Amino acid sequence: MQAPDMMLPHKDLVADWQTLMRVFIRPENEATKAILLKYMEQILFGLHDFLRKHVGVTQAISLEDLACRFTETIIRPTPEKKLEEVIADLIEEIAPWAVNVASPYFVGHMTSAIPFFMVHLKTIVAALNQNVVKLETSKVVSVVEKQVLGKLHRLIYHRQPDFYENHVQNTDTTLGAFVEDGTLANLTALWVARNRALAPKAGFDGVEAQGMQAAYRAYGIERAVVLISGMAHYSMYKSGGVLGIGNRNIIPIAVDENFRMRPEALAQAIRDLSAPEAKTKILAVVGIAGTTETGSVDPLATIADICADHGIHFHVDAAWGGPVLMSERYRHLLGGIDRADSVSIDGHKQFYMPMSCGMVYFRDPRIMDAIEYHASYINRPGSVDLGIKSLCGSREATSLILDSTFKIMGSRGLALLIEHGIDSARRFADMIARHPDFEVVSSPELNILTYRYCPRSLQRELAAADTRRRSKICARLNVLNRRLQRLQREAGKSFVSRTTLYRDRPAGDEMVVLRAVIMNPMTTLEVLAEILAEQEVIGRRLQADS
């Protein structure tokens, strides 16, 4: 790498007003325009071919080596490169070392290929550069956003037509909000739940105004808690810290053998925490429609019954599984979600949008009044700015991309993608179950499954082992699967992630497993068979070396 003092700018590159205006308004020259059009045409009209050519799944280079290439920290006063050179660098020096999440062999995370038209839509949204925090910087886009919120609210809650006629463009009510991602969507839901549970009362102006210490005094409690599935996303614990109740008061409830929340354990926890001597306020219960690790769906209808009996806010984290409601074949898997007080969904997951788009929806169109804020220069009282009831400030018009997706693909088109993922995951699970050296750990309820390499010799040992010997074998299998996953990732042809599960989470013995997330429509059973065969080869080599 060149020393900093040797990296001199081109002699003809200067930072004067004329040059700045030329760069700001249009391509610098015909050469710049040509190279821009060359790459943009490939990306706009041949996105997946472009990615196959320029981006590897995971190229064999260490993060340490990459980091050594990016140590310069000086922002130079004059331009270093022309636009065409910068574009070429992005294509030739950055893209090859990025991760090709669009590859059909990349089946390890909740990020996948996007339809080619998403790049067009994203480009238009960037060019318009609307800021949806306020009508004065968005106008019609804010109106469209409320319409899109109404469409998805109807998908979740299917209220009567007159409900949506009354609220879709009502300036006094809110069906939900767009935020950056699922983390902020969950935080928004719990923020609303906290403020409702610790609302203003005689002598107390509410937790939002006076804080947690005053709220505890006013309500005669010593702590506030949120009850979550033992498989909940870690954003729930972040919310505990941000909301001031402490992440130790985000309390996981045990899950069953299918990694779903145990209703009886939830009911018992509520009874214990509701006893007068506990001096505890339960702010919310969180169920999951598609856990991050196993794709499991909690028994939402039963949880809704329990929450209704105790008057507790019921939130469903459907960041992953919410779009399954598009499928007539599989929407029953989310039965009971319409009884939730709030629901979060990520558009950049199974609505196949580019990063990033989070949403939160509320059954009660007035409940977000609990987090209303105003300012004299923006979101003034009496205005209809969407930022009044949003955790986010400035944000882009992702609702335009999502609404365009609905128009281009229709609910049935999105349903076909979702059904392909679920069907493929179930067939992959069958393939694994038939393989003598692998075992399925969590069968796919949606389109995520976990499994592990467990050679026949160790399976026989496990069957005959006592508790102590079994623990040693399981520890050996954990090491084996960690190494297998790492070696497959480093080989760069395909990618499956790994996680650690507990049979009786949050307690119980840990089990390192391989995790497949199947959402790419180009991921076929033949591709999955190749991935499994590669794992078999790596596993046998590791066994032989051990």
Protein backbone atom coordinates (compact mmCIF):
# COMPACT_ATOMS: atom_id res chain seq x y z
CA MET A 1 0.00 0.00 0.00
CA GLN A 2 1.32 3.47 -0.84
CA ALA A 3 2.44 5.73 1.97
CA PRO A 4 0.05 8.65 2.62
CA ASP A 5 2.52 11.26 1.38
CA MET A 6 2.80 9.46 -1.97
CA MET A 7 -0.96 9.43 -2.61
CA LEU A 8 -1.07 12.78 -4.40
CA PRO A 9 -4.19 14.12 -6.18
CA HIS A 10 -4.29 14.55 -9.94
CA LYS A 11 -2.84 17.89 -10.97
CA ASP A 12 -6.03 18.84 -12.80
CA LEU A 13 -8.32 18.08 -9.87
CA VAL A 14 -9.06 21.21 -7.89
CA ALA A 15 -11.66 22.26 -5.37
CA ASP A 16 -13.01 25.50 -6.79
CA TRP A 17 -16.57 26.69 -7.27
CA GLN A 18 -16.73 25.91 -10.98
CA THR A 19 -15.52 22.33 -10.47
CA LEU A 20 -17.84 21.87 -7.52
CA MET A 21 -20.88 22.94 -9.50
CA ARG A 22 -19.94 20.64 -12.37
CA VAL A 23 -19.63 17.66 -10.03
CA PHE A 24 -22.74 18.60 -8.11
CA ILE A 25 -25.07 19.01 -11.07
CA ARG A 26 -23.95 16.52 -13.72
CA PRO A 27 -21.21 14.02 -14.67
CA GLU A 28 -17.85 15.74 -15.08
CA ASN A 29 -17.35 14.75 -18.73
CA GLU A 30 -18.29 12.20 -21.38
CA ALA A 31 -15.83 9.62 -20.01
CA THR A 32 -17.46 9.86 -16.58
CA LYS A 33 -20.90 9.57 -18.10
CA ALA A 34 -19.87 6.54 -20.14
CA ILE A 35 -18.47 4.55 -17.22
CA LEU A 36 -21.43 5.53 -15.04
CA LEU A 37 -23.86 4.30 -17.68
CA LYS A 38 -21.81 1.13 -18.23
CA TYR A 39 -22.09 -0.02 -14.65
CA MET A 40 -25.53 1.37 -13.95
CA GLU A 41 -26.95 -0.43 -16.98
CA GLN A 42 -25.51 -3.70 -15.68
CA ILE A 43 -26.89 -3.10 -12.21
CA LEU A 44 -30.28 -1.77 -13.30
CA PHE A 45 -31.03 -4.41 -15.91
CA GLY A 46 -28.77 -7.34 -15.06
CA LEU A 47 -28.48 -7.09 -11.30
CA HIS A 48 -27.91 -10.75 -10.51
CA ASP A 49 -25.52 -11.30 -13.43
CA PHE A 50 -23.58 -8.26 -12.21
CA LEU A 51 -23.38 -9.66 -8.68
CA ARG A 52 -22.23 -13.06 -9.90
CA LYS A 53 -19.47 -11.40 -11.90
CA HIS A 54 -18.27 -8.82 -9.40
CA VAL A 55 -19.13 -10.10 -5.91
CA GLY A 56 -18.04 -13.38 -4.34
CA VAL A 57 -20.07 -15.25 -1.71
CA THR A 58 -17.16 -14.79 0.70
CA GLN A 59 -13.77 -14.33 -0.93
CA ALA A 60 -10.86 -16.03 0.83
CA ILE A 61 -9.30 -13.00 2.49
CA SER A 62 -9.16 -12.27 6.20
CA LEU A 63 -10.68 -9.22 7.84
CA GLU A 64 -7.23 -8.43 9.18
CA ASP A 65 -5.80 -8.25 5.66
CA LEU A 66 -8.73 -6.12 4.51
CA ALA A 67 -8.35 -3.79 7.47
CA CYS A 68 -4.72 -3.14 6.54
CA ARG A 69 -5.91 -1.71 3.22
CA PHE A 70 -8.14 0.86 4.89
CA THR A 71 -6.03 2.70 7.45
CA GLU A 72 -5.76 6.16 5.83
CA THR A 73 -7.70 8.71 7.94
CA ILE A 74 -6.97 12.00 6.17
CA ILE A 75 -9.71 13.80 4.23
CA ARG A 76 -7.75 15.70 1.60
CA PRO A 77 -8.58 19.32 0.80
CA THR A 78 -8.51 18.71 -2.96
CA PRO A 79 -10.20 15.94 -4.96
CA GLU A 80 -8.25 12.67 -5.18
CA LYS A 81 -10.13 11.02 -8.02
CA LYS A 82 -12.68 11.62 -10.71
CA LEU A 83 -16.13 10.10 -10.50
CA GLU A 84 -15.35 7.41 -13.08
CA GLU A 85 -12.30 6.34 -11.04
CA VAL A 86 -14.33 6.21 -7.84
CA ILE A 87 -16.99 4.08 -9.53
CA ALA A 88 -14.34 1.75 -10.93
CA ASP A 89 -12.80 1.43 -7.46
CA LEU A 90 -16.15 0.51 -5.96
CA ILE A 91 -16.63 -2.19 -8.58
CA GLU A 92 -13.07 -3.52 -8.60
CA GLU A 93 -11.76 -2.89 -5.07
CA ILE A 94 -14.84 -3.04 -2.82
CA ALA A 95 -17.41 -5.28 -4.50
CA PRO A 96 -15.19 -8.40 -4.76
CA TRP A 97 -14.70 -8.39 -1.00
CA ALA A 98 -18.33 -7.72 -0.14
CA VAL A 99 -20.71 -10.62 0.52
CA ASN A 100 -22.91 -11.73 -2.35
CA VAL A 101 -26.09 -12.15 -0.36
CA ALA A 102 -27.92 -12.67 -3.68
CA SER A 103 -26.12 -15.95 -4.36
CA PRO A 104 -28.42 -18.98 -4.21
CA TYR A 105 -25.65 -20.61 -2.15
CA PHE A 106 -25.93 -17.93 0.53
CA VAL A 107 -28.54 -19.44 2.84
CA GLY A 108 -27.31 -18.41 6.27
CA HIS A 109 -29.00 -15.14 7.14
CA MET A 110 -32.21 -13.15 6.76
CA THR A 111 -30.75 -11.17 3.86
CA SER A 112 -31.15 -12.39 0.32
CA ALA A 113 -31.53 -11.49 -3.32
CA ILE A 114 -33.79 -8.57 -4.16
CA PRO A 115 -35.84 -8.15 -7.35
CA PHE A 116 -33.93 -6.18 -9.97
CA PHE A 117 -36.55 -3.40 -10.00
CA MET A 118 -35.73 -2.54 -6.37
CA VAL A 119 -32.60 -0.76 -7.61
CA HIS A 120 -34.73 1.41 -9.91
CA LEU A 121 -37.13 2.24 -7.08
CA LYS A 122 -34.32 2.97 -4.64
CA THR A 123 -32.69 5.26 -7.20
CA ILE A 124 -35.90 7.25 -7.66
CA VAL A 125 -36.41 7.57 -3.90
CA ALA A 126 -32.81 8.77 -3.51
CA ALA A 127 -33.23 11.28 -6.33
CA LEU A 128 -36.44 12.70 -4.83
CA ASN A 129 -34.74 12.82 -1.40
CA GLN A 130 -37.99 13.31 0.49
CA ASN A 131 -37.83 13.55 4.27
CA VAL A 132 -41.01 12.00 5.65
CA VAL A 133 -40.64 13.51 9.09
CA LYS A 134 -42.66 16.53 7.92
CA LEU A 135 -45.18 17.51 5.24
CA GLU A 136 -43.04 20.46 4.21
CA THR A 137 -40.32 18.05 3.09
CA SER A 138 -42.53 15.27 1.71
CA LYS A 139 -46.13 16.37 0.99
CA VAL A 140 -47.71 13.61 -1.13
CA VAL A 141 -45.20 11.04 0.15
CA SER A 142 -46.63 11.40 3.67
CA VAL A 143 -50.10 10.81 2.26
CA VAL A 144 -48.89 7.69 0.44
CA GLU A 145 -47.21 6.45 3.61
CA LYS A 146 -50.46 6.60 5.55
CA GLN A 147 -52.13 4.64 2.75
CA VAL A 148 -49.43 1.94 2.85
CA LEU A 149 -49.75 1.71 6.63
CA GLY A 150 -53.48 1.18 6.09
CA LYS A 151 -52.86 -1.62 3.60
CA LEU A 152 -50.65 -3.60 5.95
CA HIS A 153 -52.77 -2.82 9.00
CA ARG A 154 -55.68 -4.35 7.09
CA LEU A 155 -53.56 -7.42 6.26
CA ILE A 156 -52.79 -7.92 9.96
CA TYR A 157 -56.02 -6.91 11.68
CA HIS A 158 -58.62 -7.15 8.86
CA ARG A 159 -60.98 -4.64 10.48
CA GLN A 160 -64.19 -3.59 8.75
CA PRO A 161 -63.96 -1.37 5.62
CA ASP A 162 -65.42 1.66 7.41
CA PHE A 163 -62.60 1.48 9.98
CA TYR A 164 -60.05 2.09 7.23
CA GLU A 165 -62.20 4.73 5.56
CA ASN A 166 -62.19 6.58 8.88
CA HIS A 167 -58.50 6.21 9.69
CA VAL A 168 -56.41 5.77 6.55
CA GLN A 169 -55.98 9.54 6.05
CA ASN A 170 -57.23 10.70 9.44
CA THR A 171 -54.91 13.42 10.72
CA ASP A 172 -55.75 12.67 14.37
CA THR A 173 -55.08 8.94 14.37
CA THR A 174 -52.21 6.66 13.40
CA LEU A 175 -52.31 3.02 12.30
CA GLY A 176 -48.56 2.60 12.70
CA ALA A 177 -45.21 4.02 11.73
CA PHE A 178 -42.27 3.41 9.45
CA VAL A 179 -38.94 3.24 11.24
CA GLU A 180 -35.43 2.16 10.33
CA ASP A 181 -35.61 -1.55 11.23
CA GLY A 182 -37.14 -4.22 13.44
CA THR A 183 -35.12 -3.13 16.46
CA LEU A 184 -36.66 0.35 16.37
CA ALA A 185 -40.08 -1.12 15.59
CA ASN A 186 -39.93 -3.31 18.70
CA LEU A 187 -38.59 -0.42 20.76
CA THR A 188 -41.46 1.80 19.58
CA ALA A 189 -44.03 -0.82 20.57
CA LEU A 190 -42.53 -1.24 24.04
CA TRP A 191 -42.17 2.54 24.43
CA VAL A 192 -45.91 2.87 23.81
CA ALA A 193 -46.64 -0.04 26.17
CA ARG A 194 -44.49 1.50 28.92
CA ASN A 195 -46.18 4.88 28.64
CA ARG A 196 -49.62 3.33 28.69
CA ALA A 197 -48.85 1.12 31.68
CA LEU A 198 -47.30 4.02 33.62
CA ALA A 199 -49.73 6.66 32.38
CA PRO A 200 -50.55 9.98 34.04
CA LYS A 201 -52.69 9.82 37.17
CA ALA A 202 -53.53 12.10 40.08
CA GLY A 203 -50.32 13.76 41.25
CA PHE A 204 -48.24 12.17 38.47
CA ASP A 205 -47.75 13.46 34.93
CA GLY A 206 -46.75 10.10 33.45
CA VAL A 207 -43.48 8.26 32.96
CA GLU A 208 -42.66 10.08 29.72
CA ALA A 209 -42.69 13.40 31.57
CA GLN A 210 -41.32 12.46 35.00
CA GLY A 211 -39.22 9.35 34.43
CA MET A 212 -39.01 5.89 35.93
CA GLN A 213 -38.20 6.81 39.53
CA ALA A 214 -41.28 9.00 39.83
CA ALA A 215 -43.36 6.36 38.05
CA TYR A 216 -42.32 3.68 40.53
CA ARG A 217 -43.30 5.94 43.45
CA ALA A 218 -46.63 6.87 41.86
CA TYR A 219 -47.56 3.24 41.16
CA GLY A 220 -46.10 1.77 44.37
CA ILE A 221 -43.76 -0.60 42.55
CA GLU A 222 -40.05 -1.37 42.62
CA ARG A 223 -39.57 -2.52 39.06
CA ALA A 224 -41.20 -2.86 35.64
CA VAL A 225 -40.71 -5.90 33.41
CA VAL A 226 -41.37 -7.20 29.93
CA LEU A 227 -41.96 -10.94 29.41
CA ILE A 228 -40.53 -12.39 26.21
CA SER A 229 -39.96 -15.74 24.57
CA GLY A 230 -36.68 -17.41 25.43
CA MET A 231 -35.99 -17.25 21.69
CA ALA A 232 -36.58 -13.51 21.42
CA HIS A 233 -34.34 -11.25 19.37
CA TYR A 234 -31.64 -9.43 21.30
CA SER A 235 -33.24 -6.09 20.40
CA MET A 236 -35.69 -6.78 23.23
CA TYR A 237 -32.86 -6.53 25.74
CA LYS A 238 -31.68 -3.31 24.10
CA SER A 239 -35.17 -1.92 24.63
CA GLY A 240 -34.93 -2.63 28.33
CA GLY A 241 -31.82 -0.52 28.55
CA VAL A 242 -33.16 2.34 26.43
CA LEU A 243 -36.53 2.47 28.24
CA GLY A 244 -34.88 2.65 31.63
CA ILE A 245 -36.23 -0.56 33.13
CA GLY A 246 -32.90 -2.39 32.75
CA ASN A 247 -32.20 -5.31 30.44
CA ARG A 248 -32.33 -7.73 33.40
CA ASN A 249 -36.01 -6.93 33.64
CA ILE A 250 -36.57 -8.29 30.14
CA ILE A 251 -37.54 -11.74 31.39
CA PRO A 252 -37.34 -14.78 29.07
CA ILE A 253 -40.08 -17.40 29.32
CA ALA A 254 -39.13 -21.05 28.75
CA VAL A 255 -39.81 -22.60 25.36
CA ASP A 256 -40.92 -26.10 24.43
CA GLU A 257 -39.18 -28.75 22.34
CA ASN A 258 -40.22 -26.86 19.20
CA PHE A 259 -38.70 -23.62 20.54
CA ARG A 260 -42.08 -21.95 21.09
CA MET A 261 -43.05 -20.10 24.24
CA ARG A 262 -44.75 -22.29 26.84
CA PRO A 263 -48.11 -20.68 27.71
CA GLU A 264 -48.22 -22.39 31.10
CA ALA A 265 -44.81 -20.93 31.96
CA LEU A 266 -46.03 -17.48 30.87
CA ALA A 267 -49.20 -17.76 32.95
CA GLN A 268 -47.19 -18.81 36.01
CA ALA A 269 -44.72 -15.94 35.56
CA ILE A 270 -47.60 -13.46 35.37
CA ARG A 271 -49.15 -14.89 38.54
CA ASP A 272 -45.86 -14.65 40.40
CA LEU A 273 -45.07 -11.13 39.23
CA SER A 274 -48.62 -9.88 39.85
CA ALA A 275 -48.56 -10.84 43.54
CA PRO A 276 -48.65 -7.73 45.78
CA GLU A 277 -45.35 -8.60 47.43
CA ALA A 278 -43.60 -8.65 44.03
CA LYS A 279 -44.16 -4.89 43.61
CA THR A 280 -43.80 -5.33 39.86
CA LYS A 281 -45.57 -3.86 36.86
CA ILE A 282 -45.69 -6.00 33.71
CA LEU A 283 -45.47 -3.60 30.80
CA ALA A 284 -45.90 -6.07 27.97
CA VAL A 285 -45.68 -9.65 26.80
CA VAL A 286 -43.85 -10.28 23.51
CA GLY A 287 -44.64 -13.26 21.28
CA ILE A 288 -42.72 -14.06 18.12
CA ALA A 289 -43.95 -14.86 14.64
CA GLY A 290 -40.78 -16.33 13.22
CA THR A 291 -37.88 -16.51 15.65
CA THR A 292 -34.49 -15.44 14.34
CA GLU A 293 -32.77 -18.71 15.13
CA THR A 294 -35.36 -21.37 14.28
CA GLY A 295 -38.25 -19.57 12.57
CA SER A 296 -40.66 -20.84 15.24
CA VAL A 297 -44.03 -19.17 15.78
CA ASP A 298 -45.26 -18.80 19.33
CA PRO A 299 -48.87 -19.85 20.17
CA LEU A 300 -50.13 -16.33 19.53
CA ALA A 301 -53.84 -16.96 20.14
CA THR A 302 -53.19 -18.56 23.52
CA ILE A 303 -50.81 -15.79 24.54
CA ALA A 304 -53.45 -13.25 23.47
CA ASP A 305 -55.97 -14.96 25.78
CA ILE A 306 -53.57 -14.75 28.71
CA CYS A 307 -52.75 -11.10 28.07
CA ALA A 308 -56.44 -10.21 27.72
CA ASP A 309 -57.23 -11.91 31.03
CA HIS A 310 -54.61 -9.78 32.81
CA GLY A 311 -54.94 -6.54 30.85
CA ILE A 312 -51.36 -6.67 29.56
CA HIS A 313 -50.13 -5.16 26.29
CA PHE A 314 -49.44 -7.97 23.80
CA HIS A 315 -46.78 -7.27 21.19
CA VAL A 316 -45.88 -9.64 18.35
CA ASP A 317 -42.43 -9.44 16.82
CA ALA A 318 -43.26 -10.46 13.26
CA ALA A 319 -40.20 -8.81 11.73
CA TRP A 320 -39.49 -12.09 9.94
CA GLY A 321 -42.79 -13.91 9.66
CA GLY A 322 -45.27 -11.08 9.14
CA PRO A 323 -45.24 -11.27 5.32
CA VAL A 324 -46.45 -14.90 5.57
CA LEU A 325 -49.89 -13.31 5.95
CA MET A 326 -49.73 -12.80 2.17
CA SER A 327 -49.97 -16.57 1.65
CA GLU A 328 -53.38 -18.20 1.71
CA ARG A 329 -51.64 -21.56 2.24
CA TYR A 330 -49.61 -20.56 5.28
CA ARG A 331 -51.20 -17.50 6.90
CA HIS A 332 -52.87 -19.82 9.44
CA LEU A 333 -49.42 -20.31 10.98
CA LEU A 334 -49.75 -16.78 12.37
CA GLY A 335 -53.21 -17.37 13.83
CA GLY A 336 -53.94 -14.94 16.66
CA ILE A 337 -51.69 -12.14 15.40
CA ASP A 338 -54.78 -10.01 14.78
CA ARG A 339 -55.36 -9.92 18.53
CA ALA A 340 -52.00 -8.31 19.27
CA ASP A 341 -51.94 -4.72 20.50
CA SER A 342 -48.88 -4.09 18.33
CA VAL A 343 -46.99 -5.89 15.57
CA SER A 344 -43.56 -5.23 14.04
CA ILE A 345 -42.59 -6.19 10.47
CA ASP A 346 -39.40 -5.69 8.46
CA GLY A 347 -39.78 -4.78 4.80
CA HIS A 348 -36.13 -5.64 4.06
CA LYS A 349 -36.72 -9.25 5.03
CA GLN A 350 -39.57 -11.14 3.39
CA PHE A 351 -40.94 -8.20 1.46
CA TYR A 352 -37.59 -8.35 -0.37
CA MET A 353 -36.86 -4.64 -0.10
CA PRO A 354 -33.36 -3.16 -0.01
CA MET A 355 -31.97 -2.14 3.37
CA SER A 356 -33.61 -0.90 5.45
CA CYS A 357 -37.29 -0.68 6.31
CA GLY A 358 -38.98 -1.39 9.64
CA MET A 359 -42.64 -0.93 10.52
CA VAL A 360 -44.79 -1.11 13.62
CA TYR A 361 -48.59 -1.39 13.65
CA PHE A 362 -51.14 -0.82 16.45
CA ARG A 363 -54.64 -2.20 16.80
CA ASP A 364 -55.80 1.01 18.53
CA PRO A 365 -55.36 3.97 16.14
CA ARG A 366 -55.03 6.39 19.06
CA ILE A 367 -52.52 4.51 21.17
CA MET A 368 -49.50 6.28 19.66
CA ASP A 369 -50.68 9.51 21.28
CA ALA A 370 -48.67 8.20 24.25
CA ILE A 371 -45.40 9.07 22.45
CA GLU A 372 -46.40 12.34 20.79
CA TYR A 373 -43.80 15.10 20.53
CA HIS A 374 -43.85 18.63 19.08
CA ALA A 375 -41.37 21.35 18.21
CA SER A 376 -41.90 24.96 17.13
CA TYR A 377 -39.93 24.59 13.89
CA ILE A 378 -41.22 21.12 12.92
CA ASN A 379 -44.07 18.82 13.97
CA ARG A 380 -45.96 21.74 15.48
CA PRO A 381 -49.14 21.12 17.50
CA GLY A 382 -52.05 20.92 15.10
CA SER A 383 -49.88 19.85 12.16
CA VAL A 384 -50.24 16.47 10.48
CA ASP A 385 -46.52 15.69 10.27
CA LEU A 386 -45.82 11.96 10.62
CA GLY A 387 -42.77 12.69 12.79
CA ILE A 388 -45.03 13.74 15.67
CA LYS A 389 -45.59 10.09 16.60
CA SER A 390 -42.36 8.44 15.57
CA LEU A 391 -39.15 7.44 17.25
CA CYS A 392 -37.30 8.39 14.07
CA GLY A 393 -36.57 11.89 12.89
CA SER A 394 -35.36 12.31 9.33
CA ARG A 395 -35.95 9.24 7.17
CA GLU A 396 -36.36 8.36 3.53
CA ALA A 397 -39.54 7.44 1.68
CA THR A 398 -39.31 3.65 1.94
CA SER A 399 -43.11 3.48 1.79
CA LEU A 400 -42.87 4.35 -1.92
CA ILE A 401 -40.69 1.29 -2.52
CA LEU A 402 -42.96 -1.02 -0.54
CA ASP A 403 -46.14 0.26 -2.19
CA SER A 404 -44.55 -0.08 -5.63
CA THR A 405 -43.60 -3.66 -4.76
CA PHE A 406 -47.21 -4.47 -3.93
CA LYS A 407 -48.29 -3.03 -7.28
CA ILE A 408 -45.61 -4.82 -9.29
CA MET A 409 -45.86 -8.24 -7.64
CA GLY A 410 -49.25 -8.35 -5.94
CA SER A 411 -49.93 -10.30 -2.78
CA ARG A 412 -49.93 -13.54 -4.77
CA GLY A 413 -46.50 -12.84 -6.22
CA LEU A 414 -45.04 -12.25 -2.76
CA ALA A 415 -46.90 -15.31 -1.51
CA LEU A 416 -45.19 -17.45 -4.16
CA LEU A 417 -41.77 -16.35 -2.87
CA ILE A 418 -42.74 -17.07 0.72
CA GLU A 419 -44.24 -20.45 -0.16
CA HIS A 420 -41.12 -21.39 -2.12
CA GLY A 421 -39.04 -20.70 0.99
CA ILE A 422 -41.25 -22.70 3.33
CA ASP A 423 -41.64 -25.61 0.91
CA SER A 424 -37.90 -25.70 0.16
CA ALA A 425 -37.00 -25.61 3.85
CA ARG A 426 -39.27 -28.57 4.55
CA ARG A 427 -37.80 -30.57 1.66
CA PHE A 428 -34.30 -29.69 2.80
CA ALA A 429 -35.19 -30.94 6.28
CA ASP A 430 -36.37 -34.22 4.74
CA MET A 431 -33.07 -34.46 2.82
CA ILE A 432 -31.09 -33.93 6.02
CA ALA A 433 -33.20 -36.41 7.97
CA ARG A 434 -32.44 -39.09 5.37
CA HIS A 435 -28.70 -38.46 5.55
CA PRO A 436 -26.99 -40.86 7.97
CA ASP A 437 -24.42 -38.29 9.15
CA PHE A 438 -26.72 -35.35 9.85
CA GLU A 439 -29.67 -34.73 12.13
CA VAL A 440 -32.41 -32.10 12.09
CA VAL A 441 -32.51 -30.13 15.34
CA SER A 442 -35.46 -27.81 14.67
CA SER A 443 -37.90 -28.70 11.91
CA PRO A 444 -38.95 -25.71 9.82
CA GLU A 445 -42.24 -24.14 10.76
CA LEU A 446 -41.58 -21.31 8.33
CA ASN A 447 -38.42 -21.25 6.18
CA ILE A 448 -35.64 -21.54 8.75
CA LEU A 449 -34.25 -24.82 10.02
CA THR A 450 -31.34 -25.92 12.16
CA TYR A 451 -29.38 -29.13 11.96
CA ARG A 452 -25.97 -30.49 12.82
CA TYR A 453 -23.32 -32.80 11.53
CA CYS A 454 -23.48 -35.90 13.71
CA PRO A 455 -21.66 -38.87 12.13
CA ARG A 456 -23.08 -42.35 12.56
CA SER A 457 -20.30 -43.42 14.93
CA LEU A 458 -21.13 -40.62 17.35
CA GLN A 459 -24.86 -41.24 17.00
CA ARG A 460 -24.28 -44.82 18.18
CA GLU A 461 -22.15 -43.60 21.08
CA LEU A 462 -24.82 -41.09 22.09
CA ALA A 463 -27.50 -43.78 22.11
CA ALA A 464 -25.53 -45.91 24.57
CA ALA A 465 -23.94 -43.15 26.68
CA ASP A 466 -24.72 -42.18 30.26
CA THR A 467 -25.29 -38.52 31.18
CA ARG A 468 -21.63 -37.71 31.77
CA ARG A 469 -20.42 -39.41 28.60
CA ARG A 470 -23.24 -37.81 26.61
CA SER A 471 -22.13 -34.33 27.69
CA LYS A 472 -18.60 -35.05 26.46
CA ILE A 473 -19.84 -36.28 23.10
CA CYS A 474 -22.08 -33.23 22.71
CA ALA A 475 -19.15 -30.96 23.52
CA ARG A 476 -17.14 -32.72 20.81
CA LEU A 477 -20.01 -32.29 18.34
CA ASN A 478 -20.17 -28.59 19.18
CA VAL A 479 -16.51 -28.16 18.30
CA LEU A 480 -16.97 -30.21 15.13
CA ASN A 481 -19.90 -28.11 13.90
CA ARG A 482 -18.19 -24.81 14.71
CA ARG A 483 -15.17 -25.84 12.66
CA LEU A 484 -17.30 -27.21 9.82
CA GLN A 485 -19.26 -23.97 9.51
CA ARG A 486 -16.10 -21.85 9.61
CA LEU A 487 -14.29 -23.94 6.99
CA GLN A 488 -17.27 -23.89 4.62
CA ARG A 489 -17.55 -20.12 5.00
CA GLU A 490 -13.83 -19.63 4.35
CA ALA A 491 -13.96 -21.85 1.26
CA GLY A 492 -16.20 -19.17 -0.24
CA LYS A 493 -18.55 -21.29 -2.35
CA SER A 494 -21.55 -21.33 -0.02
CA PHE A 495 -22.64 -20.04 3.35
CA VAL A 496 -24.76 -21.49 6.14
CA SER A 497 -24.72 -19.73 9.50
CA ARG A 498 -24.53 -21.29 12.94
CA THR A 499 -26.04 -20.62 16.33
CA THR A 500 -26.27 -22.20 19.76
CA LEU A 501 -29.57 -23.65 20.94
CA TYR A 502 -30.73 -24.97 24.28
CA ARG A 503 -33.24 -27.77 24.44
CA ASP A 504 -34.89 -26.18 27.49
CA ARG A 505 -34.01 -22.56 26.86
CA PRO A 506 -33.06 -20.45 28.72
CA ALA A 507 -31.66 -23.38 30.71
CA GLY A 508 -30.29 -26.71 29.50
CA ASP A 509 -27.25 -28.00 27.61
CA GLU A 510 -26.02 -25.96 24.69
CA MET A 511 -26.04 -27.35 21.18
CA VAL A 512 -24.12 -25.76 18.32
CA VAL A 513 -26.15 -26.10 15.14
CA LEU A 514 -26.00 -25.12 11.49
CA ARG A 515 -28.75 -22.69 10.49
CA ALA A 516 -30.27 -22.39 7.02
CA VAL A 517 -32.53 -19.51 5.98
CA ILE A 518 -34.18 -20.22 2.64
CA MET A 519 -35.75 -17.20 0.98
CA ASN A 520 -33.87 -16.81 -2.31
CA PRO A 521 -36.14 -18.01 -5.16
CA MET A 522 -33.01 -19.15 -7.02
CA THR A 523 -32.06 -21.54 -4.22
CA THR A 524 -33.16 -24.91 -5.56
CA LEU A 525 -33.10 -28.35 -3.98
CA GLU A 526 -30.10 -29.12 -6.18
CA VAL A 527 -28.25 -26.15 -4.68
CA LEU A 528 -29.17 -27.28 -1.16
CA ALA A 529 -27.96 -30.80 -1.96
CA GLU A 530 -24.61 -29.34 -3.07
CA ILE A 531 -24.32 -27.35 0.16
CA LEU A 532 -25.03 -30.46 2.24
CA ALA A 533 -22.56 -32.54 0.20
CA GLU A 534 -19.86 -29.94 0.79
CA GLN A 535 -20.57 -30.08 4.52
CA GLU A 536 -20.34 -33.86 4.43
CA VAL A 537 -16.88 -33.72 2.82
CA ILE A 538 -15.65 -31.15 5.35
CA GLY A 539 -17.13 -33.09 8.26
CA ARG A 540 -15.51 -36.36 7.25
CA ARG A 541 -12.16 -34.64 6.86
CA LEU A 542 -12.48 -33.13 10.33
CA GLN A 543 -13.43 -36.51 11.76
CA ALA A 544 -10.43 -38.14 10.16
CA ASP A 545 -8.11 -35.45 11.53
CA SER A 546 -9.46 -35.60 15.08
